[in-house]
Amino acid sequence: MDLTIYHNTRCSKSRKTLELILAANINPIIKEYLIETLSAEEINILLSQLNLPIRDILRKGEAIYKTRGLSDKNLSDAELIDAVIESPILLERPIVTNGTHAIIGRPPENVNSLI
């Protein structure tokens, strides 16, 4: 089984999700999205696999969310995606995909639906 985890090593939920994947004897592709910035195309694919709008995968508690005024309902999806590309810390984590479907690992046990 091929899984990819969009991982933040400093996030406890992300680490726990990765532990659950590894415990299932799956060696996922690990993308440290804070280092390997995602493209707009990659974000759009993840949104499609998650079946969620961009606003639902933004970390609204991040200072940059507030300072950039990202709660403004007049901002387009493309503008919000650009904000994630510029500041990947805004992306909810972790996201795990099997190439067809994706989940957000909050709680980490959500990953069980993919493994």
PDB file of N, CA and C in Angstrom:
ATOM      1  N   MET A   1       0.844  -1.185   0.000  1.00  0.00           N
ATOM      2  CA  MET A   1       0.000   0.000   0.000  1.00  0.00           C
ATOM      3  C   MET A   1       0.883   1.240   0.000  1.00  0.00           C
ATOM      4  N   ASP A   2       0.549   2.171  -0.868  1.00  0.00           N
ATOM      5  CA  ASP A   2       1.303   3.418  -0.943  1.00  0.00           C
ATOM      6  C   ASP A   2       0.551   4.527  -0.215  1.00  0.00           C
ATOM      7  N   LEU A   3       1.181   5.051   0.819  1.00  0.00           N
ATOM      8  CA  LEU A   3       0.630   6.200   1.530  1.00  0.00           C
ATOM      9  C   LEU A   3       1.660   7.316   1.513  1.00  0.00           C
ATOM     10  N   THR A   4       1.159   8.528   1.487  1.00  0.00           N
ATOM     11  CA  THR A   4       2.003   9.704   1.625  1.00  0.00           C
ATOM     12  C   THR A   4       1.475  10.489   2.805  1.00  0.00           C
ATOM     13  N   ILE A   5       2.380  10.903   3.688  1.00  0.00           N
ATOM     14  CA  ILE A   5       2.006  11.742   4.816  1.00  0.00           C
ATOM     15  C   ILE A   5       2.677  13.103   4.654  1.00  0.00           C
ATOM     16  N   TYR A   6       1.864  14.126   4.735  1.00  0.00           N
ATOM     17  CA  TYR A   6       2.358  15.504   4.744  1.00  0.00           C
ATOM     18  C   TYR A   6       2.588  15.818   6.215  1.00  0.00           C
ATOM     19  N   HIS A   7       3.861  15.833   6.584  1.00  0.00           N
ATOM     20  CA  HIS A   7       4.301  15.684   7.960  1.00  0.00           C
ATOM     21  C   HIS A   7       5.035  16.920   8.467  1.00  0.00           C
ATOM     22  N   ASN A   8       4.773  17.226   9.747  1.00  0.00           N
ATOM     23  CA  ASN A   8       5.531  18.245  10.466  1.00  0.00           C
ATOM     24  C   ASN A   8       6.143  17.531  11.661  1.00  0.00           C
ATOM     25  N   THR A   9       7.443  17.394  11.665  1.00  0.00           N
ATOM     26  CA  THR A   9       8.125  16.621  12.704  1.00  0.00           C
ATOM     27  C   THR A   9       7.932  17.204  14.096  1.00  0.00           C
ATOM     28  N   ARG A  10       7.600  18.492  14.192  1.00  0.00           N
ATOM     29  CA  ARG A  10       7.427  19.118  15.505  1.00  0.00           C
ATOM     30  C   ARG A  10       6.001  19.005  16.032  1.00  0.00           C
ATOM     31  N   CYS A  11       5.106  18.410  15.262  1.00  0.00           N
ATOM     32  CA  CYS A  11       3.692  18.295  15.642  1.00  0.00           C
ATOM     33  C   CYS A  11       3.426  16.918  16.247  1.00  0.00           C
ATOM     34  N   SER A  12       2.907  16.884  17.467  1.00  0.00           N
ATOM     35  CA  SER A  12       2.651  15.605  18.130  1.00  0.00           C
ATOM     36  C   SER A  12       1.605  14.776  17.391  1.00  0.00           C
ATOM     37  N   LYS A  13       0.569  15.411  16.827  1.00  0.00           N
ATOM     38  CA  LYS A  13      -0.462  14.673  16.084  1.00  0.00           C
ATOM     39  C   LYS A  13       0.141  14.055  14.818  1.00  0.00           C
ATOM     40  N   SER A  14       1.023  14.797  14.182  1.00  0.00           N
ATOM     41  CA  SER A  14       1.670  14.298  12.979  1.00  0.00           C
ATOM     42  C   SER A  14       2.583  13.118  13.315  1.00  0.00           C
ATOM     43  N   ARG A  15       3.345  13.238  14.398  1.00  0.00           N
ATOM     44  CA  ARG A  15       4.220  12.136  14.809  1.00  0.00           C
ATOM     45  C   ARG A  15       3.406  10.905  15.179  1.00  0.00           C
ATOM     46  N   LYS A  16       2.303  11.076  15.888  1.00  0.00           N
ATOM     47  CA  LYS A  16       1.457   9.954  16.298  1.00  0.00           C
ATOM     48  C   LYS A  16       0.835   9.272  15.066  1.00  0.00           C
ATOM     49  N   THR A  17       0.389  10.074  14.109  1.00  0.00           N
ATOM     50  CA  THR A  17      -0.184   9.511  12.879  1.00  0.00           C
ATOM     51  C   THR A  17       0.868   8.679  12.151  1.00  0.00           C
ATOM     52  N   LEU A  18       2.079   9.194  12.058  1.00  0.00           N
ATOM     53  CA  LEU A  18       3.158   8.450  11.417  1.00  0.00           C
ATOM     54  C   LEU A  18       3.441   7.151  12.175  1.00  0.00           C
ATOM     55  N   GLU A  19       3.423   7.190  13.498  1.00  0.00           N
ATOM     56  CA  GLU A  19       3.622   5.973  14.297  1.00  0.00           C
ATOM     57  C   GLU A  19       2.569   4.915  13.970  1.00  0.00           C
ATOM     58  N   LEU A  20       1.316   5.336  13.831  1.00  0.00           N
ATOM     59  CA  LEU A  20       0.236   4.389  13.515  1.00  0.00           C
ATOM     60  C   LEU A  20       0.452   3.751  12.137  1.00  0.00           C
ATOM     61  N   ILE A  21       0.902   4.542  11.189  1.00  0.00           N
ATOM     62  CA  ILE A  21       1.173   4.027   9.843  1.00  0.00           C
ATOM     63  C   ILE A  21       2.309   3.001   9.902  1.00  0.00           C
ATOM     64  N   LEU A  22       3.387   3.368  10.584  1.00  0.00           N
ATOM     65  CA  LEU A  22       4.536   2.467  10.690  1.00  0.00           C
ATOM     66  C   LEU A  22       4.184   1.194  11.452  1.00  0.00           C
ATOM     67  N   ALA A  23       3.325   1.318  12.474  1.00  0.00           N
ATOM     68  CA  ALA A  23       2.900   0.143  13.248  1.00  0.00           C
ATOM     69  C   ALA A  23       2.101  -0.835  12.396  1.00  0.00           C
ATOM     70  N   ALA A  24       1.496  -0.329  11.316  1.00  0.00           N
ATOM     71  CA  ALA A  24       0.749  -1.188  10.385  1.00  0.00           C
ATOM     72  C   ALA A  24       1.675  -1.769   9.312  1.00  0.00           C
ATOM     73  N   ASN A  25       2.981  -1.655   9.538  1.00  0.00           N
ATOM     74  CA  ASN A  25       3.998  -2.157   8.599  1.00  0.00           C
ATOM     75  C   ASN A  25       3.903  -1.516   7.225  1.00  0.00           C
ATOM     76  N   ILE A  26       3.584  -0.238   7.221  1.00  0.00           N
ATOM     77  CA  ILE A  26       3.536   0.536   5.977  1.00  0.00           C
ATOM     78  C   ILE A  26       4.642   1.577   6.064  1.00  0.00           C
ATOM     79  N   ASN A  27       5.444   1.642   5.019  1.00  0.00           N
ATOM     80  CA  ASN A  27       6.489   2.651   4.940  1.00  0.00           C
ATOM     81  C   ASN A  27       6.029   3.753   3.995  1.00  0.00           C
ATOM     82  N   PRO A  28       5.475   4.816   4.553  1.00  0.00           N
ATOM     83  CA  PRO A  28       4.913   5.864   3.709  1.00  0.00           C
ATOM     84  C   PRO A  28       5.980   6.762   3.104  1.00  0.00           C
ATOM     85  N   ILE A  29       5.581   7.462   2.084  1.00  0.00           N
ATOM     86  CA  ILE A  29       6.383   8.580   1.590  1.00  0.00           C
ATOM     87  C   ILE A  29       6.137   9.710   2.577  1.00  0.00           C
ATOM     88  N   ILE A  30       7.201  10.274   3.093  1.00  0.00           N
ATOM     89  CA  ILE A  30       7.077  11.355   4.074  1.00  0.00           C
ATOM     90  C   ILE A  30       7.460  12.658   3.396  1.00  0.00           C
ATOM     91  N   LYS A  31       6.492  13.562   3.323  1.00  0.00           N
ATOM     92  CA  LYS A  31       6.748  14.882   2.740  1.00  0.00           C
ATOM     93  C   LYS A  31       6.711  15.905   3.866  1.00  0.00           C
ATOM     94  N   GLU A  32       7.859  16.456   4.167  1.00  0.00           N
ATOM     95  CA  GLU A  32       7.928  17.507   5.170  1.00  0.00           C
ATOM     96  C   GLU A  32       7.568  18.815   4.467  1.00  0.00           C
ATOM     97  N   TYR A  33       6.273  19.112   4.495  1.00  0.00           N
ATOM     98  CA  TYR A  33       5.735  20.201   3.689  1.00  0.00           C
ATOM     99  C   TYR A  33       6.249  21.579   4.106  1.00  0.00           C
ATOM    100  N   LEU A  34       6.824  21.700   5.294  1.00  0.00           N
ATOM    101  CA  LEU A  34       7.416  22.981   5.682  1.00  0.00           C
ATOM    102  C   LEU A  34       8.746  23.195   4.959  1.00  0.00           C
ATOM    103  N   ILE A  35       9.353  22.098   4.516  1.00  0.00           N
ATOM    104  CA  ILE A  35      10.626  22.161   3.788  1.00  0.00           C
ATOM    105  C   ILE A  35      10.372  22.050   2.281  1.00  0.00           C
ATOM    106  N   GLU A  36       9.559  21.042   1.898  1.00  0.00           N
ATOM    107  CA  GLU A  36       9.211  20.829   0.485  1.00  0.00           C
ATOM    108  C   GLU A  36       7.855  21.481   0.235  1.00  0.00           C
ATOM    109  N   THR A  37       7.872  22.757  -0.084  1.00  0.00           N
ATOM    110  CA  THR A  37       6.635  23.498  -0.249  1.00  0.00           C
ATOM    111  C   THR A  37       5.755  22.876  -1.331  1.00  0.00           C
ATOM    112  N   LEU A  38       4.467  22.814  -1.047  1.00  0.00           N
ATOM    113  CA  LEU A  38       3.511  22.261  -2.003  1.00  0.00           C
ATOM    114  C   LEU A  38       3.171  23.284  -3.078  1.00  0.00           C
ATOM    115  N   SER A  39       2.854  22.788  -4.251  1.00  0.00           N
ATOM    116  CA  SER A  39       2.396  23.655  -5.336  1.00  0.00           C
ATOM    117  C   SER A  39       0.883  23.819  -5.242  1.00  0.00           C
ATOM    118  N   ALA A  40       0.365  24.781  -5.977  1.00  0.00           N
ATOM    119  CA  ALA A  40      -1.092  24.968  -6.025  1.00  0.00           C
ATOM    120  C   ALA A  40      -1.762  23.704  -6.539  1.00  0.00           C
ATOM    121  N   GLU A  41      -1.157  23.050  -7.530  1.00  0.00           N
ATOM    122  CA  GLU A  41      -1.726  21.815  -8.074  1.00  0.00           C
ATOM    123  C   GLU A  41      -1.788  20.721  -7.007  1.00  0.00           C
ATOM    124  N   GLU A  42      -0.716  20.565  -6.241  1.00  0.00           N
ATOM    125  CA  GLU A  42      -0.702  19.547  -5.187  1.00  0.00           C
ATOM    126  C   GLU A  42      -1.772  19.840  -4.128  1.00  0.00           C
ATOM    127  N   ILE A  43      -1.908  21.102  -3.753  1.00  0.00           N
ATOM    128  CA  ILE A  43      -2.918  21.475  -2.762  1.00  0.00           C
ATOM    129  C   ILE A  43      -4.309  21.190  -3.303  1.00  0.00           C
ATOM    130  N   ASN A  44      -4.546  21.522  -4.550  1.00  0.00           N
ATOM    131  CA  ASN A  44      -5.864  21.263  -5.150  1.00  0.00           C
ATOM    132  C   ASN A  44      -6.165  19.767  -5.221  1.00  0.00           C
ATOM    133  N   ILE A  45      -5.174  18.957  -5.504  1.00  0.00           N
ATOM    134  CA  ILE A  45      -5.374  17.501  -5.522  1.00  0.00           C
ATOM    135  C   ILE A  45      -5.739  17.017  -4.125  1.00  0.00           C
ATOM    136  N   LEU A  46      -5.016  17.490  -3.112  1.00  0.00           N
ATOM    137  CA  LEU A  46      -5.328  17.099  -1.737  1.00  0.00           C
ATOM    138  C   LEU A  46      -6.740  17.539  -1.347  1.00  0.00           C
ATOM    139  N   LEU A  47      -7.122  18.743  -1.730  1.00  0.00           N
ATOM    140  CA  LEU A  47      -8.477  19.224  -1.425  1.00  0.00           C
ATOM    141  C   LEU A  47      -9.525  18.314  -2.050  1.00  0.00           C
ATOM    142  N   SER A  48      -9.271  17.890  -3.284  1.00  0.00           N
ATOM    143  CA  SER A  48     -10.189  16.986  -3.970  1.00  0.00           C
ATOM    144  C   SER A  48     -10.267  15.642  -3.244  1.00  0.00           C
ATOM    145  N   GLN A  49      -9.110  15.113  -2.826  1.00  0.00           N
ATOM    146  CA  GLN A  49      -9.080  13.827  -2.134  1.00  0.00           C
ATOM    147  C   GLN A  49      -9.705  13.915  -0.746  1.00  0.00           C
ATOM    148  N   LEU A  50      -9.564  15.072  -0.104  1.00  0.00           N
ATOM    149  CA  LEU A  50     -10.168  15.293   1.211  1.00  0.00           C
ATOM    150  C   LEU A  50     -11.660  15.601   1.107  1.00  0.00           C
ATOM    151  N   ASN A  51     -12.054  16.072  -0.084  1.00  0.00           N
ATOM    152  CA  ASN A  51     -13.424  16.536  -0.316  1.00  0.00           C
ATOM    153  C   ASN A  51     -13.766  17.685   0.644  1.00  0.00           C
ATOM    154  N   LEU A  52     -12.803  18.622   0.748  1.00  0.00           N
ATOM    155  CA  LEU A  52     -12.960  19.777   1.621  1.00  0.00           C
ATOM    156  C   LEU A  52     -12.565  21.044   0.887  1.00  0.00           C
ATOM    157  N   PRO A  53     -13.160  22.186   1.270  1.00  0.00           N
ATOM    158  CA  PRO A  53     -12.708  23.464   0.730  1.00  0.00           C
ATOM    159  C   PRO A  53     -11.424  23.907   1.447  1.00  0.00           C
ATOM    160  N   ILE A  54     -10.687  24.797   0.826  1.00  0.00           N
ATOM    161  CA  ILE A  54      -9.417  25.261   1.377  1.00  0.00           C
ATOM    162  C   ILE A  54      -9.578  25.835   2.785  1.00  0.00           C
ATOM    163  N   ARG A  55     -10.655  26.529   3.052  1.00  0.00           N
ATOM    164  CA  ARG A  55     -10.842  27.120   4.394  1.00  0.00           C
ATOM    165  C   ARG A  55     -10.868  26.065   5.496  1.00  0.00           C
ATOM    166  N   ASP A  56     -11.290  24.850   5.156  1.00  0.00           N
ATOM    167  CA  ASP A  56     -11.386  23.787   6.159  1.00  0.00           C
ATOM    168  C   ASP A  56     -10.046  23.153   6.506  1.00  0.00           C
ATOM    169  N   ILE A  57      -9.002  23.474   5.746  1.00  0.00           N
ATOM    170  CA  ILE A  57      -7.698  22.892   6.066  1.00  0.00           C
ATOM    171  C   ILE A  57      -6.678  23.965   6.444  1.00  0.00           C
ATOM    172  N   LEU A  58      -7.179  25.138   6.809  1.00  0.00           N
ATOM    173  CA  LEU A  58      -6.298  26.200   7.287  1.00  0.00           C
ATOM    174  C   LEU A  58      -6.232  26.161   8.801  1.00  0.00           C
ATOM    175  N   ARG A  59      -5.045  26.395   9.324  1.00  0.00           N
ATOM    176  CA  ARG A  59      -4.848  26.470  10.775  1.00  0.00           C
ATOM    177  C   ARG A  59      -5.162  27.899  11.216  1.00  0.00           C
ATOM    178  N   LYS A  60      -6.373  28.077  11.678  1.00  0.00           N
ATOM    179  CA  LYS A  60      -6.872  29.411  12.015  1.00  0.00           C
ATOM    180  C   LYS A  60      -6.239  29.991  13.277  1.00  0.00           C
ATOM    181  N   GLY A  61      -5.585  29.146  14.063  1.00  0.00           N
ATOM    182  CA  GLY A  61      -4.934  29.619  15.277  1.00  0.00           C
ATOM    183  C   GLY A  61      -3.532  30.167  15.051  1.00  0.00           C
ATOM    184  N   GLU A  62      -3.004  30.005  13.855  1.00  0.00           N
ATOM    185  CA  GLU A  62      -1.659  30.510  13.562  1.00  0.00           C
ATOM    186  C   GLU A  62      -1.675  32.033  13.484  1.00  0.00           C
ATOM    187  N   ALA A  63      -0.643  32.655  14.027  1.00  0.00           N
ATOM    188  CA  ALA A  63      -0.555  34.120  14.035  1.00  0.00           C
ATOM    189  C   ALA A  63      -0.651  34.684  12.616  1.00  0.00           C
ATOM    190  N   ILE A  64      -0.020  34.020  11.668  1.00  0.00           N
ATOM    191  CA  ILE A  64      -0.017  34.522  10.292  1.00  0.00           C
ATOM    192  C   ILE A  64      -1.428  34.520   9.688  1.00  0.00           C
ATOM    193  N   TYR A  65      -2.278  33.613  10.135  1.00  0.00           N
ATOM    194  CA  TYR A  65      -3.681  33.588   9.673  1.00  0.00           C
ATOM    195  C   TYR A  65      -4.349  34.906  10.037  1.00  0.00           C
ATOM    196  N   LYS A  66      -4.098  35.343  11.260  1.00  0.00           N
ATOM    197  CA  LYS A  66      -4.709  36.587  11.733  1.00  0.00           C
ATOM    198  C   LYS A  66      -4.054  37.807  11.090  1.00  0.00           C
ATOM    199  N   THR A  67      -2.714  37.837  11.058  1.00  0.00           N
ATOM    200  CA  THR A  67      -2.027  39.022  10.547  1.00  0.00           C
ATOM    201  C   THR A  67      -2.261  39.231   9.051  1.00  0.00           C
ATOM    202  N   ARG A  68      -2.488  38.155   8.327  1.00  0.00           N
ATOM    203  CA  ARG A  68      -2.756  38.280   6.884  1.00  0.00           C
ATOM    204  C   ARG A  68      -4.237  38.458   6.588  1.00  0.00           C
ATOM    205  N   GLY A  69      -5.069  38.452   7.622  1.00  0.00           N
ATOM    206  CA  GLY A  69      -6.500  38.662   7.416  1.00  0.00           C
ATOM    207  C   GLY A  69      -7.164  37.569   6.609  1.00  0.00           C
ATOM    208  N   LEU A  70      -6.749  36.326   6.818  1.00  0.00           N
ATOM    209  CA  LEU A  70      -7.248  35.222   6.002  1.00  0.00           C
ATOM    210  C   LEU A  70      -8.673  34.807   6.336  1.00  0.00           C
ATOM    211  N   SER A  71      -9.234  35.353   7.387  1.00  0.00           N
ATOM    212  CA  SER A  71     -10.642  35.066   7.695  1.00  0.00           C
ATOM    213  C   SER A  71     -11.588  35.879   6.810  1.00  0.00           C
ATOM    214  N   ASP A  72     -11.033  36.798   6.029  1.00  0.00           N
ATOM    215  CA  ASP A  72     -11.833  37.627   5.126  1.00  0.00           C
ATOM    216  C   ASP A  72     -12.555  36.741   4.110  1.00  0.00           C
ATOM    217  N   LYS A  73     -13.869  36.741   4.158  1.00  0.00           N
ATOM    218  CA  LYS A  73     -14.681  35.878   3.276  1.00  0.00           C
ATOM    219  C   LYS A  73     -14.586  36.292   1.806  1.00  0.00           C
ATOM    220  N   ASN A  74     -14.037  37.482   1.536  1.00  0.00           N
ATOM    221  CA  ASN A  74     -13.895  37.941   0.154  1.00  0.00           C
ATOM    222  C   ASN A  74     -12.662  37.365  -0.533  1.00  0.00           C
ATOM    223  N   LEU A  75     -11.795  36.716   0.229  1.00  0.00           N
ATOM    224  CA  LEU A  75     -10.613  36.107  -0.378  1.00  0.00           C
ATOM    225  C   LEU A  75     -11.020  34.877  -1.183  1.00  0.00           C
ATOM    226  N   SER A  76     -10.462  34.750  -2.357  1.00  0.00           N
ATOM    227  CA  SER A  76     -10.777  33.604  -3.216  1.00  0.00           C
ATOM    228  C   SER A  76     -10.004  32.373  -2.753  1.00  0.00           C
ATOM    229  N   ASP A  77     -10.439  31.209  -3.221  1.00  0.00           N
ATOM    230  CA  ASP A  77      -9.712  29.981  -2.925  1.00  0.00           C
ATOM    231  C   ASP A  77      -8.274  30.083  -3.420  1.00  0.00           C
ATOM    232  N   ALA A  78      -8.084  30.660  -4.599  1.00  0.00           N
ATOM    233  CA  ALA A  78      -6.730  30.799  -5.151  1.00  0.00           C
ATOM    234  C   ALA A  78      -5.860  31.666  -4.243  1.00  0.00           C
ATOM    235  N   GLU A  79      -6.431  32.719  -3.677  1.00  0.00           N
ATOM    236  CA  GLU A  79      -5.667  33.574  -2.769  1.00  0.00           C
ATOM    237  C   GLU A  79      -5.293  32.823  -1.490  1.00  0.00           C
ATOM    238  N   LEU A  80      -6.213  32.011  -1.003  1.00  0.00           N
ATOM    239  CA  LEU A  80      -5.931  31.225   0.203  1.00  0.00           C
ATOM    240  C   LEU A  80      -4.882  30.145  -0.074  1.00  0.00           C
ATOM    241  N   ILE A  81      -4.959  29.524  -1.240  1.00  0.00           N
ATOM    242  CA  ILE A  81      -3.947  28.534  -1.634  1.00  0.00           C
ATOM    243  C   ILE A  81      -2.585  29.207  -1.750  1.00  0.00           C
ATOM    244  N   ASP A  82      -2.550  30.394  -2.342  1.00  0.00           N
ATOM    245  CA  ASP A  82      -1.288  31.140  -2.428  1.00  0.00           C
ATOM    246  C   ASP A  82      -0.726  31.427  -1.042  1.00  0.00           C
ATOM    247  N   ALA A  83      -1.602  31.735  -0.091  1.00  0.00           N
ATOM    248  CA  ALA A  83      -1.160  31.992   1.286  1.00  0.00           C
ATOM    249  C   ALA A  83      -0.516  30.743   1.883  1.00  0.00           C
ATOM    250  N   VAL A  84      -1.079  29.566   1.598  1.00  0.00           N
ATOM    251  CA  VAL A  84      -0.507  28.308   2.092  1.00  0.00           C
ATOM    252  C   VAL A  84       0.849  28.056   1.435  1.00  0.00           C
ATOM    253  N   ILE A  85       0.970  28.349   0.156  1.00  0.00           N
ATOM    254  CA  ILE A  85       2.247  28.162  -0.542  1.00  0.00           C
ATOM    255  C   ILE A  85       3.309  29.065   0.077  1.00  0.00           C
ATOM    256  N   GLU A  86       2.941  30.318   0.367  1.00  0.00           N
ATOM    257  CA  GLU A  86       3.878  31.280   0.947  1.00  0.00           C
ATOM    258  C   GLU A  86       4.187  30.961   2.409  1.00  0.00           C
ATOM    259  N   SER A  87       3.197  30.440   3.134  1.00  0.00           N
ATOM    260  CA  SER A  87       3.344  30.155   4.572  1.00  0.00           C
ATOM    261  C   SER A  87       2.763  28.773   4.854  1.00  0.00           C
ATOM    262  N   PRO A  88       3.531  27.719   4.563  1.00  0.00           N
ATOM    263  CA  PRO A  88       2.987  26.358   4.688  1.00  0.00           C
ATOM    264  C   PRO A  88       2.549  25.984   6.108  1.00  0.00           C
ATOM    265  N   ILE A  89       2.964  26.741   7.115  1.00  0.00           N
ATOM    266  CA  ILE A  89       2.529  26.476   8.485  1.00  0.00           C
ATOM    267  C   ILE A  89       1.006  26.584   8.594  1.00  0.00           C
ATOM    268  N   LEU A  90       0.369  27.255   7.629  1.00  0.00           N
ATOM    269  CA  LEU A  90      -1.083  27.413   7.626  1.00  0.00           C
ATOM    270  C   LEU A  90      -1.825  26.115   7.328  1.00  0.00           C
ATOM    271  N   LEU A  91      -1.137  25.142   6.752  1.00  0.00           N
ATOM    272  CA  LEU A  91      -1.782  23.890   6.356  1.00  0.00           C
ATOM    273  C   LEU A  91      -2.046  23.014   7.572  1.00  0.00           C
ATOM    274  N   GLU A  92      -3.286  22.564   7.701  1.00  0.00           N
ATOM    275  CA  GLU A  92      -3.627  21.628   8.781  1.00  0.00           C
ATOM    276  C   GLU A  92      -2.794  20.378   8.606  1.00  0.00           C
ATOM    277  N   ARG A  93      -2.456  19.753   9.722  1.00  0.00           N
ATOM    278  CA  ARG A  93      -1.564  18.594   9.672  1.00  0.00           C
ATOM    279  C   ARG A  93      -1.995  17.542  10.653  1.00  0.00           C
ATOM    280  N   PRO A  94      -1.551  16.341  10.366  1.00  0.00           N
ATOM    281  CA  PRO A  94      -0.980  15.866   9.111  1.00  0.00           C
ATOM    282  C   PRO A  94      -2.087  15.509   8.126  1.00  0.00           C
ATOM    283  N   ILE A  95      -1.728  15.487   6.871  1.00  0.00           N
ATOM    284  CA  ILE A  95      -2.627  14.972   5.843  1.00  0.00           C
ATOM    285  C   ILE A  95      -1.988  13.690   5.317  1.00  0.00           C
ATOM    286  N   VAL A  96      -2.816  12.654   5.198  1.00  0.00           N
ATOM    287  CA  VAL A  96      -2.338  11.369   4.678  1.00  0.00           C
ATOM    288  C   VAL A  96      -3.209  11.013   3.478  1.00  0.00           C
ATOM    289  N   THR A  97      -2.560  10.592   2.403  1.00  0.00           N
ATOM    290  CA  THR A  97      -3.298  10.208   1.197  1.00  0.00           C
ATOM    291  C   THR A  97      -2.820   8.853   0.684  1.00  0.00           C
ATOM    292  N   ASN A  98      -3.764   8.129   0.085  1.00  0.00           N
ATOM    293  CA  ASN A  98      -3.407   6.875  -0.586  1.00  0.00           C
ATOM    294  C   ASN A  98      -3.408   7.065  -2.099  1.00  0.00           C
ATOM    295  N   GLY A  99      -3.496   8.314  -2.529  1.00  0.00           N
ATOM    296  CA  GLY A  99      -3.506   8.628  -3.951  1.00  0.00           C
ATOM    297  C   GLY A  99      -4.899   8.824  -4.502  1.00  0.00           C
ATOM    298  N   THR A 100      -5.903   8.355  -3.767  1.00  0.00           N
ATOM    299  CA  THR A 100      -7.298   8.504  -4.166  1.00  0.00           C
ATOM    300  C   THR A 100      -8.086   9.264  -3.121  1.00  0.00           C
ATOM    301  N   HIS A 101      -7.880   8.866  -1.869  1.00  0.00           N
ATOM    302  CA  HIS A 101      -8.561   9.500  -0.738  1.00  0.00           C
ATOM    303  C   HIS A 101      -7.514  10.019   0.240  1.00  0.00           C
ATOM    304  N   ALA A 102      -7.897  11.060   0.977  1.00  0.00           N
ATOM    305  CA  ALA A 102      -7.006  11.623   1.978  1.00  0.00           C
ATOM    306  C   ALA A 102      -7.789  11.893   3.257  1.00  0.00           C
ATOM    307  N   ILE A 103      -7.050  11.949   4.354  1.00  0.00           N
ATOM    308  CA  ILE A 103      -7.638  12.280   5.658  1.00  0.00           C
ATOM    309  C   ILE A 103      -6.717  13.286   6.345  1.00  0.00           C
ATOM    310  N   ILE A 104      -7.294  13.976   7.309  1.00  0.00           N
ATOM    311  CA  ILE A 104      -6.497  14.795   8.211  1.00  0.00           C
ATOM    312  C   ILE A 104      -6.357  13.996   9.501  1.00  0.00           C
ATOM    313  N   GLY A 105      -5.153  13.847   9.985  1.00  0.00           N
ATOM    314  CA  GLY A 105      -4.882  13.037  11.164  1.00  0.00           C
ATOM    315  C   GLY A 105      -5.170  13.749  12.472  1.00  0.00           C
ATOM    316  N   ARG A 106      -6.360  14.256  12.603  1.00  0.00           N
ATOM    317  CA  ARG A 106      -6.823  14.895  13.849  1.00  0.00           C
ATOM    318  C   ARG A 106      -8.191  14.344  14.140  1.00  0.00           C
ATOM    319  N   PRO A 107      -8.301  13.356  14.970  1.00  0.00           N
ATOM    320  CA  PRO A 107      -7.238  12.708  15.738  1.00  0.00           C
ATOM    321  C   PRO A 107      -6.423  11.762  14.858  1.00  0.00           C
ATOM    322  N   PRO A 108      -5.231  11.380  15.347  1.00  0.00           N
ATOM    323  CA  PRO A 108      -4.368  10.511  14.548  1.00  0.00           C
ATOM    324  C   PRO A 108      -5.056   9.226  14.089  1.00  0.00           C
ATOM    325  N   GLU A 109      -5.988   8.718  14.881  1.00  0.00           N
ATOM    326  CA  GLU A 109      -6.677   7.468  14.544  1.00  0.00           C
ATOM    327  C   GLU A 109      -7.481   7.567  13.246  1.00  0.00           C
ATOM    328  N   ASN A 110      -7.719   8.769  12.753  1.00  0.00           N
ATOM    329  CA  ASN A 110      -8.397   8.921  11.454  1.00  0.00           C
ATOM    330  C   ASN A 110      -7.661   8.156  10.351  1.00  0.00           C
ATOM    331  N   VAL A 111      -6.355   7.988  10.517  1.00  0.00           N
ATOM    332  CA  VAL A 111      -5.563   7.317   9.489  1.00  0.00           C
ATOM    333  C   VAL A 111      -5.971   5.848   9.338  1.00  0.00           C
ATOM    334  N   ASN A 112      -6.600   5.291  10.358  1.00  0.00           N
ATOM    335  CA  ASN A 112      -7.021   3.876  10.274  1.00  0.00           C
ATOM    336  C   ASN A 112      -7.963   3.619   9.108  1.00  0.00           C
ATOM    337  N   SER A 113      -8.677   4.643   8.655  1.00  0.00           N
ATOM    338  CA  SER A 113      -9.583   4.455   7.515  1.00  0.00           C
ATOM    339  C   SER A 113      -8.814   4.239   6.212  1.00  0.00           C
ATOM    340  N   LEU A 114      -7.531   4.561   6.203  1.00  0.00           N
ATOM    341  CA  LEU A 114      -6.723   4.380   4.995  1.00  0.00           C
ATOM    342  C   LEU A 114      -5.820   3.151   5.064  1.00  0.00           C
ATOM    343  N   ILE A 115      -5.617   2.597   6.282  1.00  0.00           N
ATOM    344  CA  ILE A 115      -4.636   1.501   6.396  1.00  0.00           C
ATOM    345  C   ILE A 115      -5.283   0.154   6.670  1.00  0.00           C
TER     346      ILE A 115
END
